[in-house]
Amino acid sequence: MLLLAATLGLAYVPLGRWSAAVAFGISGVKTVLIGVFFMKLRDAIPLVRIAACAAMLWLAFLFLLTFADLLTRAPLTQPGTIVPSMG
């Protein structure tokens, strides 16, 4: 319930660019808790644990690529503004 409250509270806190990173961090903690307690990975055979870890690493890699794309984009211009020419 604490992580649910953190997610809800995050919607009302102006963190700017960091709001997505904090939201992904909270969701990562939720994912680990679901894997350990509901999917019972703590008691699973090693092959299942390796598969779950590989999936989490792949997801982390995709998050990393998403953040790299977001941080390297140019800021959006407001409609009706003049875009400077690349002379």
PDB file of N, CA and C in Angstrom:
ATOM      1  N   MET A   1       0.812  -1.191   0.000  1.00  0.00           N
ATOM      2  CA  MET A   1       0.000   0.000   0.000  1.00  0.00           C
ATOM      3  C   MET A   1       0.858   1.258   0.000  1.00  0.00           C
ATOM      4  N   LEU A   2       2.047   1.138   0.548  1.00  0.00           N
ATOM      5  CA  LEU A   2       2.952   2.279   0.582  1.00  0.00           C
ATOM      6  C   LEU A   2       3.389   2.672  -0.831  1.00  0.00           C
ATOM      7  N   LEU A   3       3.662   1.672  -1.671  1.00  0.00           N
ATOM      8  CA  LEU A   3       4.063   1.976  -3.045  1.00  0.00           C
ATOM      9  C   LEU A   3       2.902   2.538  -3.860  1.00  0.00           C
ATOM     10  N   LEU A   4       1.695   2.101  -3.567  1.00  0.00           N
ATOM     11  CA  LEU A   4       0.518   2.671  -4.219  1.00  0.00           C
ATOM     12  C   LEU A   4       0.367   4.138  -3.849  1.00  0.00           C
ATOM     13  N   ALA A   5       0.564   4.455  -2.581  1.00  0.00           N
ATOM     14  CA  ALA A   5       0.493   5.847  -2.138  1.00  0.00           C
ATOM     15  C   ALA A   5       1.613   6.675  -2.762  1.00  0.00           C
ATOM     16  N   ALA A   6       2.796   6.078  -2.919  1.00  0.00           N
ATOM     17  CA  ALA A   6       3.903   6.793  -3.560  1.00  0.00           C
ATOM     18  C   ALA A   6       3.591   7.083  -5.021  1.00  0.00           C
ATOM     19  N   THR A   7       2.985   6.133  -5.709  1.00  0.00           N
ATOM     20  CA  THR A   7       2.608   6.348  -7.105  1.00  0.00           C
ATOM     21  C   THR A   7       1.548   7.438  -7.215  1.00  0.00           C
ATOM     22  N   LEU A   8       0.584   7.402  -6.345  1.00  0.00           N
ATOM     23  CA  LEU A   8      -0.470   8.419  -6.359  1.00  0.00           C
ATOM     24  C   LEU A   8       0.090   9.789  -6.010  1.00  0.00           C
ATOM     25  N   GLY A   9       0.947   9.847  -5.015  1.00  0.00           N
ATOM     26  CA  GLY A   9       1.545  11.118  -4.628  1.00  0.00           C
ATOM     27  C   GLY A   9       2.444  11.693  -5.702  1.00  0.00           C
ATOM     28  N   LEU A  10       3.079  10.819  -6.470  1.00  0.00           N
ATOM     29  CA  LEU A  10       3.964  11.269  -7.545  1.00  0.00           C
ATOM     30  C   LEU A  10       3.202  12.036  -8.622  1.00  0.00           C
ATOM     31  N   ALA A  11       1.947  11.706  -8.803  1.00  0.00           N
ATOM     32  CA  ALA A  11       1.142  12.396  -9.810  1.00  0.00           C
ATOM     33  C   ALA A  11       0.936  13.866  -9.464  1.00  0.00           C
ATOM     34  N   TYR A  12       1.058  14.217  -8.199  1.00  0.00           N
ATOM     35  CA  TYR A  12       0.811  15.589  -7.765  1.00  0.00           C
ATOM     36  C   TYR A  12       2.083  16.367  -7.435  1.00  0.00           C
ATOM     37  N   VAL A  13       3.244  15.729  -7.560  1.00  0.00           N
ATOM     38  CA  VAL A  13       4.514  16.391  -7.254  1.00  0.00           C
ATOM     39  C   VAL A  13       5.175  16.806  -8.566  1.00  0.00           C
ATOM     40  N   PRO A  14       5.483  18.084  -8.746  1.00  0.00           N
ATOM     41  CA  PRO A  14       6.111  18.530  -9.998  1.00  0.00           C
ATOM     42  C   PRO A  14       7.622  18.246 -10.000  1.00  0.00           C
ATOM     43  N   LEU A  15       8.016  17.121 -10.554  1.00  0.00           N
ATOM     44  CA  LEU A  15       9.429  16.767 -10.607  1.00  0.00           C
ATOM     45  C   LEU A  15      10.059  17.043 -11.969  1.00  0.00           C
ATOM     46  N   GLY A  16       9.267  17.495 -12.915  1.00  0.00           N
ATOM     47  CA  GLY A  16       9.807  17.803 -14.237  1.00  0.00           C
ATOM     48  C   GLY A  16      10.247  16.549 -14.970  1.00  0.00           C
ATOM     49  N   ARG A  17      11.491  16.565 -15.433  1.00  0.00           N
ATOM     50  CA  ARG A  17      12.019  15.437 -16.199  1.00  0.00           C
ATOM     51  C   ARG A  17      12.174  14.182 -15.353  1.00  0.00           C
ATOM     52  N   TRP A  18      12.281  14.327 -14.062  1.00  0.00           N
ATOM     53  CA  TRP A  18      12.543  13.184 -13.191  1.00  0.00           C
ATOM     54  C   TRP A  18      11.290  12.409 -12.820  1.00  0.00           C
ATOM     55  N   SER A  19      10.125  12.909 -13.169  1.00  0.00           N
ATOM     56  CA  SER A  19       8.902  12.212 -12.764  1.00  0.00           C
ATOM     57  C   SER A  19       8.803  10.833 -13.409  1.00  0.00           C
ATOM     58  N   ALA A  20       9.205  10.720 -14.669  1.00  0.00           N
ATOM     59  CA  ALA A  20       9.168   9.408 -15.331  1.00  0.00           C
ATOM     60  C   ALA A  20      10.169   8.451 -14.700  1.00  0.00           C
ATOM     61  N   ALA A  21      11.355   8.944 -14.367  1.00  0.00           N
ATOM     62  CA  ALA A  21      12.374   8.083 -13.759  1.00  0.00           C
ATOM     63  C   ALA A  21      11.920   7.578 -12.394  1.00  0.00           C
ATOM     64  N   VAL A  22      11.319   8.441 -11.609  1.00  0.00           N
ATOM     65  CA  VAL A  22      10.839   8.032 -10.286  1.00  0.00           C
ATOM     66  C   VAL A  22       9.683   7.042 -10.431  1.00  0.00           C
ATOM     67  N   ALA A  23       8.800   7.288 -11.398  1.00  0.00           N
ATOM     68  CA  ALA A  23       7.681   6.365 -11.624  1.00  0.00           C
ATOM     69  C   ALA A  23       8.186   4.995 -12.061  1.00  0.00           C
ATOM     70  N   PHE A  24       9.197   4.967 -12.937  1.00  0.00           N
ATOM     71  CA  PHE A  24       9.771   3.684 -13.351  1.00  0.00           C
ATOM     72  C   PHE A  24      10.460   2.993 -12.182  1.00  0.00           C
ATOM     73  N   GLY A  25      11.084   3.750 -11.307  1.00  0.00           N
ATOM     74  CA  GLY A  25      11.716   3.155 -10.129  1.00  0.00           C
ATOM     75  C   GLY A  25      10.698   2.511  -9.199  1.00  0.00           C
ATOM     76  N   ILE A  26       9.600   3.220  -8.972  1.00  0.00           N
ATOM     77  CA  ILE A  26       8.540   2.668  -8.123  1.00  0.00           C
ATOM     78  C   ILE A  26       7.947   1.419  -8.765  1.00  0.00           C
ATOM     79  N   SER A  27       7.725   1.464 -10.070  1.00  0.00           N
ATOM     80  CA  SER A  27       7.167   0.284 -10.737  1.00  0.00           C
ATOM     81  C   SER A  27       8.154  -0.875 -10.737  1.00  0.00           C
ATOM     82  N   GLY A  28       9.445  -0.581 -10.765  1.00  0.00           N
ATOM     83  CA  GLY A  28      10.438  -1.650 -10.674  1.00  0.00           C
ATOM     84  C   GLY A  28      10.398  -2.352  -9.329  1.00  0.00           C
ATOM     85  N   VAL A  29      10.243  -1.576  -8.269  1.00  0.00           N
ATOM     86  CA  VAL A  29      10.130  -2.172  -6.934  1.00  0.00           C
ATOM     87  C   VAL A  29       8.864  -3.021  -6.839  1.00  0.00           C
ATOM     88  N   LYS A  30       7.770  -2.532  -7.408  1.00  0.00           N
ATOM     89  CA  LYS A  30       6.533  -3.310  -7.417  1.00  0.00           C
ATOM     90  C   LYS A  30       6.721  -4.615  -8.180  1.00  0.00           C
ATOM     91  N   THR A  31       7.433  -4.556  -9.296  1.00  0.00           N
ATOM     92  CA  THR A  31       7.671  -5.746 -10.104  1.00  0.00           C
ATOM     93  C   THR A  31       8.470  -6.791  -9.340  1.00  0.00           C
ATOM     94  N   VAL A  32       9.499  -6.352  -8.637  1.00  0.00           N
ATOM     95  CA  VAL A  32      10.307  -7.288  -7.847  1.00  0.00           C
ATOM     96  C   VAL A  32       9.464  -7.928  -6.748  1.00  0.00           C
ATOM     97  N   LEU A  33       8.649  -7.137  -6.083  1.00  0.00           N
ATOM     98  CA  LEU A  33       7.800  -7.690  -5.025  1.00  0.00           C
ATOM     99  C   LEU A  33       6.795  -8.700  -5.573  1.00  0.00           C
ATOM    100  N   ILE A  34       6.229  -8.418  -6.732  1.00  0.00           N
ATOM    101  CA  ILE A  34       5.302  -9.369  -7.358  1.00  0.00           C
ATOM    102  C   ILE A  34       6.028 -10.656  -7.719  1.00  0.00           C
ATOM    103  N   GLY A  35       7.236 -10.528  -8.265  1.00  0.00           N
ATOM    104  CA  GLY A  35       7.996 -11.721  -8.630  1.00  0.00           C
ATOM    105  C   GLY A  35       8.365 -12.575  -7.436  1.00  0.00           C
ATOM    106  N   VAL A  36       8.770 -11.944  -6.364  1.00  0.00           N
ATOM    107  CA  VAL A  36       9.227 -12.698  -5.190  1.00  0.00           C
ATOM    108  C   VAL A  36       8.062 -13.330  -4.436  1.00  0.00           C
ATOM    109  N   PHE A  37       6.994 -12.574  -4.218  1.00  0.00           N
ATOM    110  CA  PHE A  37       5.931 -13.081  -3.357  1.00  0.00           C
ATOM    111  C   PHE A  37       4.804 -13.780  -4.113  1.00  0.00           C
ATOM    112  N   PHE A  38       4.314 -13.203  -5.203  1.00  0.00           N
ATOM    113  CA  PHE A  38       3.173 -13.800  -5.890  1.00  0.00           C
ATOM    114  C   PHE A  38       3.584 -14.890  -6.875  1.00  0.00           C
ATOM    115  N   MET A  39       4.723 -14.702  -7.548  1.00  0.00           N
ATOM    116  CA  MET A  39       5.190 -15.719  -8.495  1.00  0.00           C
ATOM    117  C   MET A  39       6.072 -16.762  -7.812  1.00  0.00           C
ATOM    118  N   LYS A  40       6.380 -16.552  -6.547  1.00  0.00           N
ATOM    119  CA  LYS A  40       7.155 -17.484  -5.723  1.00  0.00           C
ATOM    120  C   LYS A  40       8.507 -17.824  -6.348  1.00  0.00           C
ATOM    121  N   LEU A  41       9.198 -16.804  -6.831  1.00  0.00           N
ATOM    122  CA  LEU A  41      10.514 -17.021  -7.430  1.00  0.00           C
ATOM    123  C   LEU A  41      11.559 -17.397  -6.384  1.00  0.00           C
ATOM    124  N   ARG A  42      11.316 -17.078  -5.143  1.00  0.00           N
ATOM    125  CA  ARG A  42      12.260 -17.425  -4.089  1.00  0.00           C
ATOM    126  C   ARG A  42      12.381 -18.948  -3.952  1.00  0.00           C
ATOM    127  N   ASP A  43      11.286 -19.663  -4.182  1.00  0.00           N
ATOM    128  CA  ASP A  43      11.276 -21.119  -4.042  1.00  0.00           C
ATOM    129  C   ASP A  43      11.358 -21.843  -5.380  1.00  0.00           C
ATOM    130  N   ALA A  44      11.524 -21.120  -6.478  1.00  0.00           N
ATOM    131  CA  ALA A  44      11.523 -21.731  -7.808  1.00  0.00           C
ATOM    132  C   ALA A  44      12.863 -22.401  -8.102  1.00  0.00           C
ATOM    133  N   ILE A  45      12.854 -23.235  -9.146  1.00  0.00           N
ATOM    134  CA  ILE A  45      14.097 -23.886  -9.567  1.00  0.00           C
ATOM    135  C   ILE A  45      15.006 -22.842 -10.210  1.00  0.00           C
ATOM    136  N   PRO A  46      16.307 -23.105 -10.256  1.00  0.00           N
ATOM    137  CA  PRO A  46      17.249 -22.096 -10.771  1.00  0.00           C
ATOM    138  C   PRO A  46      16.979 -21.651 -12.208  1.00  0.00           C
ATOM    139  N   LEU A  47      16.499 -22.540 -13.060  1.00  0.00           N
ATOM    140  CA  LEU A  47      16.238 -22.153 -14.444  1.00  0.00           C
ATOM    141  C   LEU A  47      15.132 -21.100 -14.527  1.00  0.00           C
ATOM    142  N   VAL A  48      14.129 -21.223 -13.706  1.00  0.00           N
ATOM    143  CA  VAL A  48      13.040 -20.237 -13.685  1.00  0.00           C
ATOM    144  C   VAL A  48      13.559 -18.903 -13.161  1.00  0.00           C
ATOM    145  N   ARG A  49      14.414 -18.942 -12.156  1.00  0.00           N
ATOM    146  CA  ARG A  49      15.007 -17.702 -11.638  1.00  0.00           C
ATOM    147  C   ARG A  49      15.858 -17.014 -12.696  1.00  0.00           C
ATOM    148  N   ILE A  50      16.641 -17.803 -13.436  1.00  0.00           N
ATOM    149  CA  ILE A  50      17.486 -17.233 -14.493  1.00  0.00           C
ATOM    150  C   ILE A  50      16.623 -16.599 -15.574  1.00  0.00           C
ATOM    151  N   ALA A  51      15.541 -17.263 -15.953  1.00  0.00           N
ATOM    152  CA  ALA A  51      14.637 -16.708 -16.965  1.00  0.00           C
ATOM    153  C   ALA A  51      14.007 -15.404 -16.478  1.00  0.00           C
ATOM    154  N   ALA A  52      13.618 -15.353 -15.218  1.00  0.00           N
ATOM    155  CA  ALA A  52      13.025 -14.128 -14.669  1.00  0.00           C
ATOM    156  C   ALA A  52      14.056 -13.007 -14.615  1.00  0.00           C
ATOM    157  N   CYS A  53      15.289 -13.331 -14.235  1.00  0.00           N
ATOM    158  CA  CYS A  53      16.345 -12.312 -14.206  1.00  0.00           C
ATOM    159  C   CYS A  53      16.668 -11.811 -15.608  1.00  0.00           C
ATOM    160  N   ALA A  54      16.683 -12.721 -16.580  1.00  0.00           N
ATOM    161  CA  ALA A  54      16.938 -12.311 -17.963  1.00  0.00           C
ATOM    162  C   ALA A  54      15.833 -11.381 -18.464  1.00  0.00           C
ATOM    163  N   ALA A  55      14.600 -11.680 -18.104  1.00  0.00           N
ATOM    164  CA  ALA A  55      13.486 -10.814 -18.503  1.00  0.00           C
ATOM    165  C   ALA A  55      13.607  -9.436 -17.861  1.00  0.00           C
ATOM    166  N   MET A  56      13.998  -9.383 -16.597  1.00  0.00           N
ATOM    167  CA  MET A  56      14.164  -8.095 -15.916  1.00  0.00           C
ATOM    168  C   MET A  56      15.324  -7.298 -16.512  1.00  0.00           C
ATOM    169  N   LEU A  57      16.409  -7.982 -16.858  1.00  0.00           N
ATOM    170  CA  LEU A  57      17.529  -7.284 -17.496  1.00  0.00           C
ATOM    171  C   LEU A  57      17.127  -6.731 -18.856  1.00  0.00           C
ATOM    172  N   TRP A  58      16.359  -7.500 -19.611  1.00  0.00           N
ATOM    173  CA  TRP A  58      15.886  -7.037 -20.911  1.00  0.00           C
ATOM    174  C   TRP A  58      14.973  -5.820 -20.738  1.00  0.00           C
ATOM    175  N   LEU A  59      14.099  -5.861 -19.760  1.00  0.00           N
ATOM    176  CA  LEU A  59      13.213  -4.730 -19.498  1.00  0.00           C
ATOM    177  C   LEU A  59      14.003  -3.500 -19.069  1.00  0.00           C
ATOM    178  N   ALA A  60      15.020  -3.695 -18.249  1.00  0.00           N
ATOM    179  CA  ALA A  60      15.871  -2.575 -17.834  1.00  0.00           C
ATOM    180  C   ALA A  60      16.600  -1.981 -19.031  1.00  0.00           C
ATOM    181  N   PHE A  61      17.053  -2.821 -19.939  1.00  0.00           N
ATOM    182  CA  PHE A  61      17.715  -2.342 -21.150  1.00  0.00           C
ATOM    183  C   PHE A  61      16.754  -1.517 -22.003  1.00  0.00           C
ATOM    184  N   LEU A  62      15.520  -1.962 -22.130  1.00  0.00           N
ATOM    185  CA  LEU A  62      14.530  -1.206 -22.902  1.00  0.00           C
ATOM    186  C   LEU A  62      14.204   0.129 -22.232  1.00  0.00           C
ATOM    187  N   PHE A  63      14.128   0.146 -20.893  1.00  0.00           N
ATOM    188  CA  PHE A  63      13.934   1.408 -20.182  1.00  0.00           C
ATOM    189  C   PHE A  63      15.110   2.347 -20.428  1.00  0.00           C
ATOM    190  N   LEU A  64      16.310   1.803 -20.416  1.00  0.00           N
ATOM    191  CA  LEU A  64      17.507   2.607 -20.664  1.00  0.00           C
ATOM    192  C   LEU A  64      17.463   3.235 -22.054  1.00  0.00           C
ATOM    193  N   LEU A  65      17.072   2.466 -23.046  1.00  0.00           N
ATOM    194  CA  LEU A  65      16.957   3.014 -24.398  1.00  0.00           C
ATOM    195  C   LEU A  65      15.871   4.086 -24.473  1.00  0.00           C
ATOM    196  N   THR A  66      14.780   3.882 -23.758  1.00  0.00           N
ATOM    197  CA  THR A  66      13.709   4.878 -23.745  1.00  0.00           C
ATOM    198  C   THR A  66      14.182   6.186 -23.131  1.00  0.00           C
ATOM    199  N   PHE A  67      14.887   6.095 -22.003  1.00  0.00           N
ATOM    200  CA  PHE A  67      15.400   7.308 -21.367  1.00  0.00           C
ATOM    201  C   PHE A  67      16.444   7.991 -22.232  1.00  0.00           C
ATOM    202  N   ALA A  68      17.286   7.222 -22.913  1.00  0.00           N
ATOM    203  CA  ALA A  68      18.281   7.820 -23.801  1.00  0.00           C
ATOM    204  C   ALA A  68      17.597   8.573 -24.933  1.00  0.00           C
ATOM    205  N   ASP A  69      16.510   8.028 -25.446  1.00  0.00           N
ATOM    206  CA  ASP A  69      15.769   8.703 -26.506  1.00  0.00           C
ATOM    207  C   ASP A  69      15.109   9.976 -25.985  1.00  0.00           C
ATOM    208  N   LEU A  70      14.506   9.903 -24.812  1.00  0.00           N
ATOM    209  CA  LEU A  70      13.823  11.079 -24.261  1.00  0.00           C
ATOM    210  C   LEU A  70      14.791  12.209 -23.919  1.00  0.00           C
ATOM    211  N   LEU A  71      15.946  11.867 -23.400  1.00  0.00           N
ATOM    212  CA  LEU A  71      16.894  12.896 -22.973  1.00  0.00           C
ATOM    213  C   LEU A  71      17.634  13.545 -24.130  1.00  0.00           C
ATOM    214  N   THR A  72      17.667  12.907 -25.289  1.00  0.00           N
ATOM    215  CA  THR A  72      18.390  13.478 -26.426  1.00  0.00           C
ATOM    216  C   THR A  72      17.476  14.178 -27.422  1.00  0.00           C
ATOM    217  N   ARG A  73      16.205  14.252 -27.157  1.00  0.00           N
ATOM    218  CA  ARG A  73      15.287  14.949 -28.063  1.00  0.00           C
ATOM    219  C   ARG A  73      15.351  16.452 -27.836  1.00  0.00           C
ATOM    220  N   ALA A  74      15.093  17.185 -28.913  1.00  0.00           N
ATOM    221  CA  ALA A  74      15.017  18.646 -28.816  1.00  0.00           C
ATOM    222  C   ALA A  74      13.680  19.014 -28.170  1.00  0.00           C
ATOM    223  N   PRO A  75      13.641  20.119 -27.452  1.00  0.00           N
ATOM    224  CA  PRO A  75      12.368  20.515 -26.837  1.00  0.00           C
ATOM    225  C   PRO A  75      11.327  20.860 -27.898  1.00  0.00           C
ATOM    226  N   LEU A  76      10.075  20.589 -27.592  1.00  0.00           N
ATOM    227  CA  LEU A  76       8.992  20.879 -28.518  1.00  0.00           C
ATOM    228  C   LEU A  76       8.722  22.379 -28.550  1.00  0.00           C
ATOM    229  N   THR A  77       8.372  22.876 -29.722  1.00  0.00           N
ATOM    230  CA  THR A  77       8.014  24.287 -29.850  1.00  0.00           C
ATOM    231  C   THR A  77       6.503  24.424 -29.737  1.00  0.00           C
ATOM    232  N   GLN A  78       6.069  25.564 -29.250  1.00  0.00           N
ATOM    233  CA  GLN A  78       4.648  25.832 -29.122  1.00  0.00           C
ATOM    234  C   GLN A  78       4.060  26.102 -30.504  1.00  0.00           C
ATOM    235  N   PRO A  79       2.818  25.706 -30.725  1.00  0.00           N
ATOM    236  CA  PRO A  79       2.188  25.989 -32.014  1.00  0.00           C
ATOM    237  C   PRO A  79       2.119  27.495 -32.263  1.00  0.00           C
ATOM    238  N   GLY A  80       2.457  27.897 -33.458  1.00  0.00           N
ATOM    239  CA  GLY A  80       2.414  29.302 -33.828  1.00  0.00           C
ATOM    240  C   GLY A  80       3.718  30.036 -33.634  1.00  0.00           C
ATOM    241  N   THR A  81       4.721  29.426 -33.039  1.00  0.00           N
ATOM    242  CA  THR A  81       6.009  30.089 -32.867  1.00  0.00           C
ATOM    243  C   THR A  81       6.876  29.844 -34.097  1.00  0.00           C
ATOM    244  N   ILE A  82       7.803  30.739 -34.300  1.00  0.00           N
ATOM    245  CA  ILE A  82       8.689  30.645 -35.458  1.00  0.00           C
ATOM    246  C   ILE A  82       9.897  29.800 -35.074  1.00  0.00           C
ATOM    247  N   VAL A  83      10.166  28.802 -35.892  1.00  0.00           N
ATOM    248  CA  VAL A  83      11.303  27.922 -35.647  1.00  0.00           C
ATOM    249  C   VAL A  83      12.536  28.561 -36.270  1.00  0.00           C
ATOM    250  N   PRO A  84      13.650  28.697 -35.531  1.00  0.00           N
ATOM    251  CA  PRO A  84      14.852  29.296 -36.114  1.00  0.00           C
ATOM    252  C   PRO A  84      15.407  28.421 -37.234  1.00  0.00           C
ATOM    253  N   SER A  85      15.894  29.088 -38.261  1.00  0.00           N
ATOM    254  CA  SER A  85      16.427  28.337 -39.403  1.00  0.00           C
ATOM    255  C   SER A  85      17.816  27.813 -39.087  1.00  0.00           C
ATOM    256  N   MET A  86      18.171  26.741 -39.721  1.00  0.00           N
ATOM    257  CA  MET A  86      19.483  26.126 -39.533  1.00  0.00           C
ATOM    258  C   MET A  86      20.401  26.624 -40.647  1.00  0.00           C
ATOM    259  N   GLY A  87      20.839  27.856 -40.586  1.00  0.00           N
ATOM    260  CA  GLY A  87      21.575  28.516 -41.646  1.00  0.00           C
ATOM    261  C   GLY A  87      22.967  28.163 -41.670  1.00  0.00           C
TER     262      GLY A  87
END
